[in-house]
């Protein structure tokens, strides 16, 4: 007989909603404390005289440390109290933002942003773990989809606020502002999570156990066996390509706009705020397409990789035209990658909850995405200097095709795994 993993669930709909919004505002705040560098990048290059490769190295340091930290965080999230890990991550990120604002050299900024990546990695996987532990099964997927709205909204807010701060003050001011926001949200999380934890102890209920095929024993299954059975290797490669096309590309869009259309730094940052407006639709479009058409998270991801590839090929042919059309093409391409992220990083880990491995699965998958982001943040800067933006965009399109192909290979494994 299988070993059954049971956790008390939040009974009150009001407390469930409170937990969701606490997690939403926390993850929203992480974008204020990480994308402020990407949003300020074009102004930092101009003001400090850094070349694009050196400036990209700072972003790469964040993504590599965040990706590595996700592996550790995922394992810790299944063994420690996730709400305490989140608190450490939020407050620690606030301190790193202060250090970033005070840094005066590339290497000081690399060190501060590398530590920021490690601390922020303590947040996402524990959030997924909290949803799988504390939220009734019939609402888990809804929560995992809806929390993704914090990503484009956080991106939009960060780029908008950064444009204003750079215009009125200095790029360093944005990092001090972000640190204050993270400190305040850390305090809100501490108070709110304690209240929810006490409510679960007093009023929480055990949910009926969901049976799992004896082909893979609950809790006794090693993560290695689950990775092989689910085809997660293919998902990891898909997420590496997704990380390149979402985080890496988004980082360099303001610089591309400034260089190709000869705009001022502030104007290029403001123009980029159209991108996250598009991206918000990707969260819900992915859910709709998966539920109504494919009913397989991996096949759904493959279809959105195909859409991204088409948009990038069109962008390559259209380069040099209207900046509005260029931004729309970027918007659709990155929205498709937001859809892939929703499927692979938010939805897939929930399937590992019966084995007690939802946080570990989330950490592995999210780590893969940020490895791609790390490589591309530095690589795109160097590549654009070596071969120009037109050929760089063509490389992006080929990467999108590669993402589609690995997802198509992995879909059969995933279908069998979910049926079990």
Protein backbone atom coordinates (compact mmCIF):
# COMPACT_ATOMS: atom_id res chain seq x y z
CA UNK A 1 0.00 0.00 0.00
CA UNK A 2 1.25 3.48 -0.86
CA UNK A 3 2.42 5.89 1.83
CA UNK A 4 -0.08 8.75 1.79
CA UNK A 5 0.95 12.36 2.20
CA UNK A 6 -1.77 14.47 3.82
CA UNK A 7 -1.76 18.11 4.83
CA UNK A 8 -4.48 20.15 6.44
CA UNK A 9 -6.12 22.46 3.91
CA UNK A 10 -7.54 25.94 4.47
CA UNK A 11 -11.30 25.57 4.85
CA UNK A 12 -12.39 29.22 4.63
CA UNK A 13 -12.66 30.74 1.14
CA UNK A 14 -11.79 34.08 2.72
CA UNK A 15 -8.52 32.73 4.13
CA UNK A 16 -7.73 30.99 0.82
CA UNK A 17 -8.12 34.32 -0.98
CA UNK A 18 -6.00 36.04 1.66
CA UNK A 19 -3.22 33.51 1.10
CA UNK A 20 -3.41 33.95 -2.67
CA UNK A 21 -3.13 37.74 -2.52
CA UNK A 22 -0.30 37.58 -0.02
CA UNK A 23 1.61 35.27 -2.39
CA UNK A 24 0.67 37.49 -5.35
CA UNK A 25 1.98 40.69 -3.78
CA UNK A 26 5.16 38.92 -2.66
CA UNK A 27 5.93 37.63 -6.15
CA UNK A 28 4.98 40.99 -7.64
CA UNK A 29 7.52 42.63 -5.32
CA UNK A 30 10.30 40.34 -6.52
CA UNK A 31 9.99 41.90 -9.97
CA UNK A 32 10.46 45.36 -8.48
CA UNK A 33 13.64 43.99 -6.91
CA UNK A 34 15.02 42.20 -9.98
CA UNK A 35 13.75 43.82 -13.20
CA UNK A 36 14.74 47.27 -11.96
CA UNK A 37 18.20 46.43 -13.29
CA UNK A 38 16.91 45.31 -16.69
CA UNK A 39 14.70 48.40 -16.91
CA UNK A 40 17.62 50.67 -15.97
CA UNK A 41 20.12 48.87 -18.20
CA UNK A 42 20.10 51.25 -21.13
CA UNK A 43 20.50 54.27 -18.79
CA UNK A 44 23.25 52.54 -16.78
CA UNK A 45 25.17 51.86 -20.00
CA UNK A 46 24.80 55.51 -21.01
CA UNK A 47 25.52 57.07 -17.60
CA UNK A 48 28.33 54.78 -16.42
CA UNK A 49 29.97 54.12 -19.79
CA UNK A 50 29.79 50.32 -19.52
CA UNK A 51 29.94 48.28 -22.71
CA UNK A 52 27.02 45.93 -23.44
CA UNK A 53 28.94 42.76 -22.63
CA UNK A 54 30.00 44.01 -19.19
CA UNK A 55 26.52 45.31 -18.41
CA UNK A 56 25.01 42.01 -19.51
CA UNK A 57 27.35 40.18 -17.14
CA UNK A 58 25.52 41.72 -14.16
CA UNK A 59 22.18 40.35 -15.34
CA UNK A 60 23.82 37.01 -16.10
CA UNK A 61 25.14 36.84 -12.52
CA UNK A 62 21.56 37.21 -11.25
CA UNK A 63 20.12 34.56 -13.54
CA UNK A 64 22.85 32.01 -12.86
CA UNK A 65 22.63 32.44 -9.08
CA UNK A 66 18.81 32.45 -9.23
CA UNK A 67 18.81 29.29 -11.36
CA UNK A 68 21.27 27.50 -9.06
CA UNK A 69 19.36 28.72 -6.02
CA UNK A 70 16.13 27.30 -7.43
CA UNK A 71 17.56 23.78 -7.24
CA UNK A 72 18.44 24.24 -3.57
CA UNK A 73 15.22 26.12 -2.80
CA UNK A 74 13.08 23.44 -4.42
CA UNK A 75 14.55 20.71 -2.19
CA UNK A 76 14.42 22.89 0.93
CA UNK A 77 10.81 23.85 0.20
CA UNK A 78 9.75 20.21 0.52
CA UNK A 79 11.53 19.86 3.88
CA UNK A 80 11.37 23.27 5.62
CA UNK A 81 8.56 25.70 6.37
CA UNK A 82 8.08 27.47 3.04
CA UNK A 83 6.54 30.66 4.49
CA UNK A 84 9.73 31.31 6.49
CA UNK A 85 11.87 30.80 3.38
CA UNK A 86 9.76 33.39 1.56
CA UNK A 87 10.28 35.94 4.35
CA UNK A 88 14.07 35.51 4.23
CA UNK A 89 14.01 35.87 0.44
CA UNK A 90 11.99 39.08 0.40
CA UNK A 91 13.90 40.87 3.15
CA UNK A 92 17.26 39.67 1.83
CA UNK A 93 16.44 40.95 -1.66
CA UNK A 94 15.69 44.36 -0.16
CA UNK A 95 19.17 44.50 1.38
CA UNK A 96 20.77 43.50 -1.94
CA UNK A 97 18.94 46.33 -3.69
CA UNK A 98 20.45 48.80 -1.25
CA UNK A 99 23.90 47.34 -1.99
CA UNK A 100 23.23 47.67 -5.73
CA UNK A 101 22.32 51.34 -5.35
CA UNK A 102 25.58 51.96 -3.49
CA UNK A 103 27.83 50.00 -5.89
CA UNK A 104 30.39 51.96 -7.90
CA UNK A 105 31.98 49.27 -10.09
CA UNK A 106 30.94 46.39 -12.33
CA UNK A 107 32.24 43.77 -9.92
CA UNK A 108 30.47 45.28 -6.91
CA UNK A 109 27.24 45.23 -8.91
CA UNK A 110 27.88 41.64 -10.02
CA UNK A 111 28.36 40.56 -6.37
CA UNK A 112 25.23 42.39 -5.16
CA UNK A 113 23.04 41.07 -7.98
CA UNK A 114 24.40 37.54 -7.65
CA UNK A 115 23.41 37.51 -3.97
CA UNK A 116 20.04 38.98 -4.93
CA UNK A 117 19.47 36.01 -7.24
CA UNK A 118 20.24 33.51 -4.49
CA UNK A 119 17.87 35.17 -2.04
CA UNK A 120 15.04 35.63 -4.55
CA UNK A 121 15.29 31.95 -5.42
CA UNK A 122 13.82 31.23 -1.96
CA UNK A 123 10.40 32.53 -3.04
CA UNK A 124 8.81 30.84 -6.08
CA UNK A 125 9.14 27.13 -5.24
CA UNK A 126 7.90 27.65 -1.65
CA UNK A 127 4.86 29.49 -3.04
CA UNK A 128 4.02 26.46 -5.21
CA UNK A 129 4.59 24.24 -2.17
CA UNK A 130 2.23 26.36 -0.07
CA UNK A 131 -0.47 26.09 -2.74
CA UNK A 132 -0.11 22.30 -2.94
CA UNK A 133 -0.05 21.93 0.87
CA UNK A 134 -2.64 24.45 2.05
CA UNK A 135 -5.10 24.91 -0.83
CA UNK A 136 -7.79 22.28 -1.65
CA UNK A 137 -6.98 20.32 -4.80
CA UNK A 138 -9.93 21.69 -6.78
CA UNK A 139 -8.49 25.24 -6.53
CA UNK A 140 -4.76 24.56 -6.84
CA UNK A 141 -4.50 24.91 -10.62
CA UNK A 142 -6.57 28.12 -10.54
CA UNK A 143 -4.21 29.62 -7.97
CA UNK A 144 -1.12 28.51 -9.93
CA UNK A 145 -2.46 30.10 -13.12
CA UNK A 146 -3.68 33.34 -11.53
CA UNK A 147 -0.47 34.05 -9.64
CA UNK A 148 1.32 34.27 -12.99
CA UNK A 149 -0.51 37.55 -13.57
CA UNK A 150 1.93 39.05 -11.07
CA UNK A 151 4.73 38.59 -13.63
CA UNK A 152 3.49 40.87 -16.45
CA UNK A 153 1.92 43.32 -13.99
CA UNK A 154 5.16 43.42 -12.00
CA UNK A 155 7.11 43.90 -15.22
CA UNK A 156 4.81 46.72 -16.35
CA UNK A 157 5.02 48.45 -12.97
CA UNK A 158 8.80 48.10 -12.78
CA UNK A 159 9.46 49.51 -16.26
CA UNK A 160 6.94 52.34 -15.73
CA UNK A 161 8.29 53.34 -12.31
CA UNK A 162 11.89 53.02 -13.51
CA UNK A 163 11.23 55.32 -16.48
CA UNK A 164 9.79 57.96 -14.12
CA UNK A 165 12.60 57.62 -11.56
CA UNK A 166 15.34 57.78 -14.23
CA UNK A 167 13.67 60.85 -15.72
CA UNK A 168 13.23 62.71 -12.42
CA UNK A 169 16.11 61.43 -10.32
CA UNK A 170 18.89 58.90 -10.97
CA UNK A 171 19.03 55.20 -11.84
CA UNK A 172 20.41 54.43 -8.35
CA UNK A 173 17.27 55.89 -6.76
CA UNK A 174 15.22 53.05 -8.25
CA UNK A 175 17.16 50.46 -6.25
CA UNK A 176 16.60 52.34 -2.97
CA UNK A 177 12.89 52.65 -3.78
CA UNK A 178 12.67 48.90 -4.51
CA UNK A 179 14.35 48.07 -1.19
CA UNK A 180 11.73 50.06 0.73
CA UNK A 181 8.92 48.25 -1.11
CA UNK A 182 10.45 44.84 -0.36
CA UNK A 183 10.87 45.69 3.33
CA UNK A 184 7.23 46.76 3.62
CA UNK A 185 5.94 43.67 1.80
CA UNK A 186 8.16 41.44 3.94
CA UNK A 187 6.45 42.84 7.03
CA UNK A 188 3.01 42.26 5.49
CA UNK A 189 3.94 38.67 4.63
CA UNK A 190 5.21 37.98 8.16
CA UNK A 191 1.96 39.13 9.77
CA UNK A 192 -0.35 37.55 7.18
CA UNK A 193 1.35 34.14 6.96
CA UNK A 194 1.35 33.77 10.75
CA UNK A 195 -2.37 34.46 10.81
CA UNK A 196 -3.02 31.84 8.10
CA UNK A 197 -0.81 29.25 9.81
CA UNK A 198 -2.76 29.66 13.05
CA UNK A 199 -6.06 29.35 11.16
CA UNK A 200 -4.92 26.06 9.57
CA UNK A 201 -3.91 24.65 12.95
CA UNK A 202 -7.31 25.55 14.39
CA UNK A 203 -9.74 25.12 11.48
CA UNK A 204 -7.82 23.19 8.77
CA UNK A 205 -9.39 20.04 7.30
CA UNK A 206 -7.90 16.89 5.78
CA UNK A 207 -8.82 16.30 2.16
CA UNK A 208 -9.75 12.97 0.59
CA UNK A 209 -6.64 11.23 -0.70
CA UNK A 210 -6.16 11.10 -4.47
CA UNK A 211 -5.00 7.65 -5.57
CA UNK A 212 -1.92 7.33 -7.72
CA UNK A 213 -0.96 4.39 -9.92
CA UNK A 214 1.21 1.79 -8.20
CA UNK A 215 3.61 2.12 -11.14
CA UNK A 216 5.18 4.96 -9.18
CA UNK A 217 4.94 4.74 -5.41
CA UNK A 218 4.07 7.87 -3.49
CA UNK A 219 6.76 9.39 -1.30
CA UNK A 220 8.99 6.33 -1.92
CA UNK A 221 9.69 7.59 -5.43
CA UNK A 222 13.03 9.26 -5.94
CA UNK A 223 13.07 12.50 -7.91
CA UNK A 224 15.27 10.76 -10.48
CA UNK A 225 12.58 8.16 -11.22
CA UNK A 226 9.93 10.87 -11.47
CA UNK A 227 12.09 12.89 -13.88
CA UNK A 228 12.52 9.86 -16.15
CA UNK A 229 8.85 8.84 -15.98
CA UNK A 230 7.52 12.34 -16.69
CA UNK A 231 9.94 13.30 -19.45
CA UNK A 232 11.06 16.28 -17.39
CA UNK A 233 14.41 16.32 -19.17
CA UNK A 234 12.65 17.56 -22.31
CA UNK A 235 10.72 20.13 -20.28
CA UNK A 236 13.99 21.44 -18.83
CA UNK A 237 15.44 21.97 -22.31
CA UNK A 238 12.20 23.64 -23.39
CA UNK A 239 12.40 25.98 -20.42
CA UNK A 240 16.02 26.86 -21.19
CA UNK A 241 14.89 28.02 -24.63
CA UNK A 242 11.91 29.79 -23.04
CA UNK A 243 14.25 31.60 -20.63
CA UNK A 244 16.34 32.86 -23.53
CA UNK A 245 13.25 34.11 -25.38
CA UNK A 246 11.49 35.65 -22.37
CA UNK A 247 13.99 36.96 -19.83
CA UNK A 248 16.99 37.44 -22.12
CA UNK A 249 15.07 39.13 -24.91
CA UNK A 250 13.02 41.29 -22.51
CA UNK A 251 16.25 42.52 -20.88
CA UNK A 252 17.61 43.82 -24.19
CA UNK A 253 14.45 45.20 -25.83
CA UNK A 254 14.95 48.80 -24.51
CA UNK A 255 18.57 48.79 -25.76
CA UNK A 256 17.46 47.41 -29.14
CA UNK A 257 14.80 50.13 -29.43
CA UNK A 258 17.29 52.87 -28.45
CA UNK A 259 19.95 51.71 -30.90
CA UNK A 260 17.72 50.83 -33.87
CA UNK A 261 15.36 53.82 -33.61
CA UNK A 262 17.77 56.33 -31.99
CA UNK A 263 15.54 57.10 -29.00
CA UNK A 264 16.50 58.56 -25.63
CA UNK A 265 16.92 56.06 -22.77
CA UNK A 266 13.75 57.15 -20.96
CA UNK A 267 11.67 56.98 -24.15
CA UNK A 268 12.93 53.49 -24.98
CA UNK A 269 12.11 52.30 -21.45
CA UNK A 270 8.60 53.80 -21.61
CA UNK A 271 7.95 52.30 -25.05
CA UNK A 272 8.82 48.86 -23.69
CA UNK A 273 5.95 48.99 -21.16
CA UNK A 274 3.65 47.86 -23.98
CA UNK A 275 5.27 44.40 -23.78
CA UNK A 276 3.93 43.30 -20.34
CA UNK A 277 0.44 44.53 -21.32
CA UNK A 278 0.53 41.86 -24.04
CA UNK A 279 2.13 39.33 -21.69
CA UNK A 280 -0.76 39.39 -19.21
CA UNK A 281 -3.01 37.75 -21.81
CA UNK A 282 -0.52 34.88 -22.17
CA UNK A 283 -1.30 33.66 -18.65
CA UNK A 284 -4.99 33.10 -19.36
CA UNK A 285 -4.63 32.25 -23.05
CA UNK A 286 -2.38 29.32 -22.11
CA UNK A 287 -4.95 28.03 -19.63
CA UNK A 288 -7.80 28.37 -22.15
CA UNK A 289 -5.92 26.64 -24.99
CA UNK A 290 -4.80 23.82 -22.71
CA UNK A 291 -8.26 23.25 -21.26
CA UNK A 292 -10.28 23.56 -24.47
CA UNK A 293 -7.95 22.22 -27.17
CA UNK A 294 -4.84 20.20 -26.25
CA UNK A 295 -5.43 19.05 -22.64
CA UNK A 296 -1.71 18.40 -22.40
CA UNK A 297 0.56 21.07 -20.92
CA UNK A 298 3.49 20.06 -23.11
CA UNK A 299 1.57 20.09 -26.41
CA UNK A 300 0.17 23.49 -25.43
CA UNK A 301 3.72 24.73 -24.82
CA UNK A 302 4.85 23.44 -28.24
CA UNK A 303 2.07 25.40 -29.95
CA UNK A 304 3.14 28.65 -28.26
CA UNK A 305 6.79 28.07 -29.19
CA UNK A 306 5.56 27.84 -32.80
CA UNK A 307 3.72 31.18 -32.46
CA UNK A 308 6.87 32.79 -31.03
CA UNK A 309 8.98 31.48 -33.91
CA UNK A 310 6.58 32.92 -36.49
CA UNK A 311 6.59 36.35 -34.81
CA UNK A 312 10.39 36.45 -34.66
CA UNK A 313 10.80 35.44 -38.30
CA UNK A 314 8.39 38.24 -39.25
CA UNK A 315 10.34 40.65 -37.03
CA UNK A 316 13.57 39.68 -38.79
CA UNK A 317 12.03 40.44 -42.18
CA UNK A 318 10.36 43.64 -40.94
CA UNK A 319 13.32 45.15 -39.03
CA UNK A 320 13.75 48.86 -39.64
CA UNK A 321 10.02 49.59 -39.96
CA UNK A 322 7.61 51.21 -37.54
CA UNK A 323 8.60 51.00 -33.89
CA UNK A 324 4.95 50.30 -32.99
CA UNK A 325 4.84 47.22 -35.24
CA UNK A 326 8.18 46.07 -33.85
CA UNK A 327 6.88 46.38 -30.28
CA UNK A 328 3.70 44.48 -31.18
CA UNK A 329 5.74 41.63 -32.68
CA UNK A 330 7.95 41.55 -29.58
CA UNK A 331 4.79 41.65 -27.47
CA UNK A 332 3.21 38.62 -29.16
CA UNK A 333 6.48 36.65 -29.12
CA UNK A 334 7.11 37.24 -25.39
CA UNK A 335 3.42 36.63 -24.63
CA UNK A 336 3.79 33.19 -26.19
CA UNK A 337 6.76 32.59 -23.88
CA UNK A 338 4.69 33.76 -20.91
CA UNK A 339 2.16 31.07 -21.90
CA UNK A 340 4.91 28.43 -21.96
CA UNK A 341 6.11 29.60 -18.54
CA UNK A 342 2.58 29.28 -17.15
CA UNK A 343 2.29 25.70 -18.39
CA UNK A 344 5.72 24.36 -17.49
CA UNK A 345 6.68 26.29 -14.35
CA UNK A 346 3.28 26.79 -12.70
CA UNK A 347 1.05 23.91 -13.83
CA UNK A 348 3.46 20.98 -14.16
CA UNK A 349 4.81 20.97 -10.54
CA UNK A 350 1.30 20.45 -9.11
CA UNK A 351 1.28 16.95 -10.65
CA UNK A 352 4.19 16.04 -8.35
CA UNK A 353 2.30 16.98 -5.17
CA UNK A 354 1.04 13.41 -4.46
CA UNK A 355 4.68 12.31 -4.28
CA UNK A 356 5.62 15.16 -1.93
CA UNK A 357 7.89 16.66 -4.61
CA UNK A 358 6.01 19.72 -5.88
CA UNK A 359 8.60 22.20 -4.59
CA UNK A 360 11.52 20.14 -5.88
CA UNK A 361 9.91 19.84 -9.32
CA UNK A 362 9.21 23.57 -9.35
CA UNK A 363 12.81 24.32 -8.41
CA UNK A 364 14.25 22.12 -11.18
CA UNK A 365 11.97 23.56 -13.85
CA UNK A 366 12.36 27.19 -12.81
CA UNK A 367 16.11 26.71 -12.58
CA UNK A 368 16.18 25.55 -16.20
CA UNK A 369 14.36 28.68 -17.34
CA UNK A 370 16.82 30.94 -15.57
CA UNK A 371 19.84 29.09 -16.93
CA UNK A 372 18.53 30.11 -20.35
CA UNK A 373 18.00 33.66 -19.11
CA UNK A 374 21.51 33.76 -17.69
CA UNK A 375 23.19 32.63 -20.89
CA UNK A 376 21.19 35.01 -23.05
CA UNK A 377 21.49 38.12 -20.86
CA UNK A 378 25.24 38.13 -21.43
CA UNK A 379 25.17 36.34 -24.79
CA UNK A 380 22.68 38.65 -26.49
CA UNK A 381 24.77 41.70 -25.62
CA UNK A 382 27.91 40.13 -27.07
CA UNK A 383 26.09 38.59 -30.07
CA UNK A 384 24.44 41.88 -31.05
CA UNK A 385 27.84 43.58 -31.06
CA UNK A 386 29.44 40.82 -33.16
CA UNK A 387 26.76 40.13 -35.79
CA UNK A 388 24.20 42.94 -35.38
CA UNK A 389 20.56 42.89 -34.29
CA UNK A 390 19.08 41.40 -37.50
CA UNK A 391 21.08 38.18 -37.30
CA UNK A 392 20.56 38.04 -33.53
CA UNK A 393 16.78 38.06 -34.06
CA UNK A 394 17.16 35.23 -36.59
CA UNK A 395 19.01 33.20 -33.92
CA UNK A 396 16.08 33.81 -31.53
CA UNK A 397 13.65 32.44 -34.12
CA UNK A 398 15.71 29.25 -34.52
CA UNK A 399 15.74 28.82 -30.73
CA UNK A 400 11.92 29.06 -30.69
CA UNK A 401 11.75 26.27 -33.28
CA UNK A 402 14.08 24.16 -31.12
CA UNK A 403 11.77 24.73 -28.13
CA UNK A 404 8.79 23.51 -30.14
CA UNK A 405 10.64 20.35 -31.18
CA UNK A 406 11.77 19.30 -27.67
CA UNK A 407 8.23 19.79 -26.37
CA UNK A 408 6.85 17.61 -29.16
CA UNK A 409 9.30 14.86 -28.16
CA UNK A 410 8.40 15.15 -24.46
CA UNK A 411 4.60 15.19 -24.80
CA UNK A 412 4.22 11.39 -24.98
CA UNK A 413 6.13 10.85 -21.73
CA UNK A 414 4.05 13.54 -20.04
CA UNK A 415 0.74 12.06 -21.22
CA UNK A 416 1.63 8.65 -19.77
CA UNK A 417 2.82 10.21 -16.51
CA UNK A 418 -0.37 12.22 -15.97
CA UNK A 419 -2.52 9.19 -16.79
CA UNK A 420 -0.73 7.24 -14.04
